[in-house]
Structures are given as C-alpha cells and as structure tokens.
Protein backbone atom coordinates (compact mmCIF):
# COMPACT_ATOMS: atom_id res chain seq x y z
CA MET A 1 0.00 0.00 0.00
CA GLU A 2 1.31 3.36 -0.99
CA ARG A 3 -1.38 5.64 0.42
CA PRO A 4 -3.15 4.09 3.42
CA ALA A 5 -4.37 7.40 4.89
CA GLY A 6 -5.82 8.48 1.55
CA SER A 7 -7.43 5.06 1.09
CA LEU A 8 -9.01 5.27 4.54
CA LEU A 9 -10.41 8.75 3.89
CA LEU A 10 -11.60 7.77 0.42
CA GLY A 11 -13.36 4.71 1.83
CA LEU A 12 -15.19 6.87 4.39
CA ALA A 13 -16.13 9.40 1.71
CA VAL A 14 -17.63 6.66 -0.49
CA PHE A 15 -19.63 5.42 2.52
CA VAL A 16 -21.06 8.93 3.07
CA LEU A 17 -21.88 9.17 -0.62
CA TRP A 18 -23.55 5.74 -0.49
CA VAL A 19 -26.04 6.60 2.28
CA ALA A 20 -26.50 10.34 1.61
CA PRO A 21 -29.32 10.17 -0.98
CA ASP A 22 -31.50 7.99 1.26
CA LEU A 23 -30.85 10.12 4.33
CA LEU A 24 -31.29 13.48 2.60
CA ILE A 25 -34.33 12.64 0.44
CA PRO A 26 -37.02 10.52 2.11
CA GLY A 27 -38.36 7.89 -0.29
CA TRP A 28 -35.42 8.28 -2.69
CA ARG A 29 -34.74 4.57 -3.04
CA SER A 30 -38.43 3.69 -3.54
CA HIS A 31 -38.58 5.48 -6.91
CA TRP A 32 -39.17 3.20 -9.92
CA ILE A 33 -35.82 4.19 -11.45
CA PHE A 34 -34.08 2.26 -8.64
CA GLN A 35 -36.52 -0.56 -7.99
CA ASN A 36 -37.65 -2.20 -11.19
CA PRO A 37 -37.33 -5.46 -13.14
CA VAL A 38 -33.89 -4.45 -14.47
CA PHE A 39 -32.19 -3.44 -11.20
CA GLY A 40 -34.31 -5.51 -8.84
CA ARG A 41 -36.01 -4.59 -5.60
CA LEU A 42 -34.73 -3.97 -2.11
CA ASN A 43 -34.98 -7.22 -0.20
CA ILE A 44 -33.21 -8.07 3.01
CA SER A 45 -30.96 -11.02 2.24
CA MET A 46 -30.68 -12.30 5.80
CA PRO A 47 -33.40 -14.22 7.64
CA PRO A 48 -34.89 -12.38 10.67
CA GLU A 49 -33.18 -14.69 13.18
CA SER A 50 -29.78 -13.85 11.68
CA LEU A 51 -30.42 -10.15 12.19
CA ARG A 52 -30.53 -10.84 15.94
CA SER A 53 -27.49 -13.12 16.00
CA PRO A 54 -24.18 -11.48 17.01
CA LEU A 55 -22.28 -14.32 15.31
CA ASP A 56 -24.19 -13.95 12.03
CA LEU A 57 -23.75 -10.17 12.06
CA THR A 58 -20.04 -10.49 12.84
CA LEU A 59 -19.55 -12.96 10.00
CA ARG A 60 -21.48 -10.67 7.64
CA VAL A 61 -19.26 -7.71 8.58
CA LEU A 62 -16.09 -9.77 8.19
CA ARG A 63 -17.20 -11.01 4.79
CA ALA A 64 -18.07 -7.49 3.57
CA THR A 65 -14.85 -5.93 4.81
CA THR A 66 -12.47 -8.65 3.67
CA VAL A 67 -13.75 -11.15 1.12
CA VAL A 68 -16.05 -8.79 -0.79
CA ALA A 69 -13.52 -5.93 -0.87
CA LEU A 70 -10.72 -8.27 -1.96
CA VAL A 71 -12.67 -10.18 -4.62
CA GLU A 72 -14.40 -7.12 -6.09
CA GLU A 73 -11.20 -5.10 -6.37
CA ILE A 74 -9.26 -7.99 -7.89
CA PHE A 75 -12.07 -8.49 -10.41
CA TRP A 76 -13.07 -4.91 -11.26
CA ARG A 77 -9.82 -2.98 -11.15
CA GLY A 78 -7.24 -5.72 -10.92
CA TRP A 79 -8.57 -7.62 -13.93
CA LEU A 80 -11.48 -6.07 -15.91
CA MET A 81 -10.20 -2.53 -16.16
CA ARG A 82 -6.82 -3.84 -17.32
CA TRP A 83 -8.27 -6.56 -19.60
CA LEU A 84 -10.38 -3.95 -21.39
CA ILE A 85 -7.13 -2.18 -22.23
CA ASP A 86 -5.31 -5.32 -23.40
CA ASP A 87 -6.39 -8.95 -23.27
CA ASP A 88 -2.89 -9.70 -22.02
CA PHE A 89 -3.93 -7.78 -18.90
CA GLN A 90 -0.86 -8.77 -16.88
CA THR A 91 1.21 -6.45 -19.06
CA VAL A 92 -1.05 -3.53 -18.11
CA PRO A 93 -0.11 -1.89 -14.80
CA ILE A 94 -2.71 -1.27 -12.11
CA GLY A 95 -4.00 2.24 -12.65
CA ALA A 96 -3.50 2.38 -16.40
CA TYR A 97 -6.13 4.66 -17.93
CA ARG A 98 -8.21 4.26 -21.06
CA PHE A 99 -11.53 6.05 -21.36
CA VAL A 100 -13.56 2.98 -22.40
CA ALA A 101 -12.01 0.72 -19.75
CA PHE A 102 -12.66 3.33 -17.04
CA TRP A 103 -16.33 3.86 -17.93
CA VAL A 104 -17.25 0.28 -18.80
CA THR A 105 -15.85 -0.86 -15.45
CA ALA A 106 -17.71 1.90 -13.59
CA VAL A 107 -21.02 1.10 -15.34
CA PHE A 108 -20.72 -2.65 -14.72
CA PHE A 109 -19.84 -1.94 -11.07
CA ALA A 110 -23.00 0.18 -10.87
CA VAL A 111 -25.22 -2.51 -12.39
CA GLU A 112 -23.84 -5.09 -9.96
CA HIS A 113 -25.25 -3.01 -7.11
CA GLY A 114 -28.87 -3.28 -8.28
CA PRO A 115 -31.21 -0.65 -6.78
CA TYR A 116 -28.14 1.20 -5.53
CA TRP A 117 -26.85 1.61 -9.08
CA GLU A 118 -26.48 5.40 -8.97
CA VAL A 119 -24.29 5.39 -5.87
CA GLY A 120 -22.61 2.26 -7.27
CA LEU A 121 -21.73 4.28 -10.37
CA ALA A 122 -20.34 7.11 -8.27
CA ALA A 123 -18.36 4.63 -6.15
CA GLY A 124 -17.08 2.89 -9.30
CA VAL A 125 -15.89 6.20 -10.73
CA ILE A 126 -14.20 7.11 -7.44
CA TYR A 127 -12.54 3.72 -7.03
CA ASN A 128 -11.42 3.79 -10.69
CA TRP A 129 -9.97 7.24 -10.13
CA TRP A 130 -8.19 5.95 -7.02
CA ALA A 131 -6.76 3.07 -9.07
CA ILE A 132 -5.27 5.59 -11.50
CA ARG A 133 -4.04 7.82 -8.71
CA SER A 134 -2.67 5.20 -6.28
CA LYS A 135 -1.65 2.51 -8.78
CA SER A 136 -2.07 0.07 -5.88
CA LEU A 137 -4.47 -2.85 -5.60
CA GLY A 138 -3.78 -2.85 -1.85
CA ASP A 139 -4.97 0.74 -1.55
CA LEU A 140 -8.11 -0.10 -3.51
CA ILE A 141 -8.88 -3.10 -1.30
CA LEU A 142 -8.34 -0.97 1.82
CA ALA A 143 -10.62 1.82 0.55
CA HIS A 144 -13.35 -0.66 -0.43
CA GLY A 145 -12.98 -2.50 2.88
CA VAL A 146 -13.32 0.75 4.84
CA THR A 147 -16.43 1.68 2.85
CA ASN A 148 -17.96 -1.72 3.58
CA ALA A 149 -16.95 -1.56 7.27
CA ALA A 150 -18.55 1.85 7.72
CA LEU A 151 -21.66 0.73 5.86
CA SER A 152 -21.85 -2.43 7.97
CA MET A 153 -21.67 -0.42 11.20
CA PHE A 154 -24.31 1.97 9.86
CA VAL A 155 -26.59 -0.95 8.98
CA ILE A 156 -26.22 -2.57 12.38
CA LEU A 157 -26.58 0.66 14.38
CA THR A 158 -29.56 1.99 12.41
CA ARG A 159 -31.13 -1.37 11.54
CA ARG A 160 -31.32 -0.25 7.89
CA TRP A 161 -31.04 -3.86 6.74
CA GLU A 162 -32.04 -3.00 3.18
CA TYR A 163 -28.44 -1.96 2.54
CA TRP A 164 -27.53 -5.64 2.94
CA MET A 165 -29.36 -6.91 -0.12
C-alpha cells in the first residue's frame, strides 16, 4: 500500500456518498428508477433470526470488509479494467487509464449493485480514479474494505437492513 491514509479517507467518503441520498431525500430509493425489473427490488438477504445473532452479524461484517472488498477489487480494477485495455492484462499496470475501460468498469460496477446503481456508479468512478491515482491494488482493497466496514456499522446501528441486499 502506498497511500493508506488516503485510502481510509476515500473509503469513508464513499460510505457517506452511499447513504446520503437515502438520508437526505425521504423515499429516494423507492422510486421506480431504482426498484424495477432491471435493477431488482430492495430485499433483506438475511433471515430475521440472523439479524438478531451477534455471530451472524459479525460474520457478515467480516465477509463485507475482507472477502467482498478483496474479490471485487481484484475483479473490477485488478482484472477487468486492465483486460479492457489489453487482453494480455498482466502487461497492463494497475492504474492504467483508457476512457472505455474506465467507464465500462464503472457502469458494470453500478449494475452489480442493483437498486443502488447510482451510488454504485459514483463509487465505481471514485474507485477507478483511485486506481489511477494510487496505482495500488492494496490501496483499492483498503478503501473498499473501509467503505464496507462503515456501511456495515451503519446498517447494524440503524437497523437499515435494506443496505444488505
């Protein structure tokens, strides 16, 4: 990791961006543009008994902050963004920039996040920018892990389980 402090701050900023629309505009996420047959609907992915289980919640947080951050960053910015530049992606350094690779990766990252696609797009753009700036997969994983950690704590403290689709 080259820029751990920047990655930490960036991760927190993406978290704020992720929850801001729903907190600032009541009913934002219920609009048809977010919940529809293309992007899906908000459904809590955990059974009610798991929402009361400290072990289940701990495992969920650990998965989000480690496995998800690691796998998504390896896939999105460690592989796809580079593969879109050259199919021999290992010759392309982390953080290489090409317009199409940048935006295709950001859009696919958005779509992966279903009804949260608009904040997923913003997060994808920010993480792609950080890839170009930091040139470090470790920094990207840290930033993504911090975002997911902050979101997990927000979900648990506010019981806004819909964020855990």
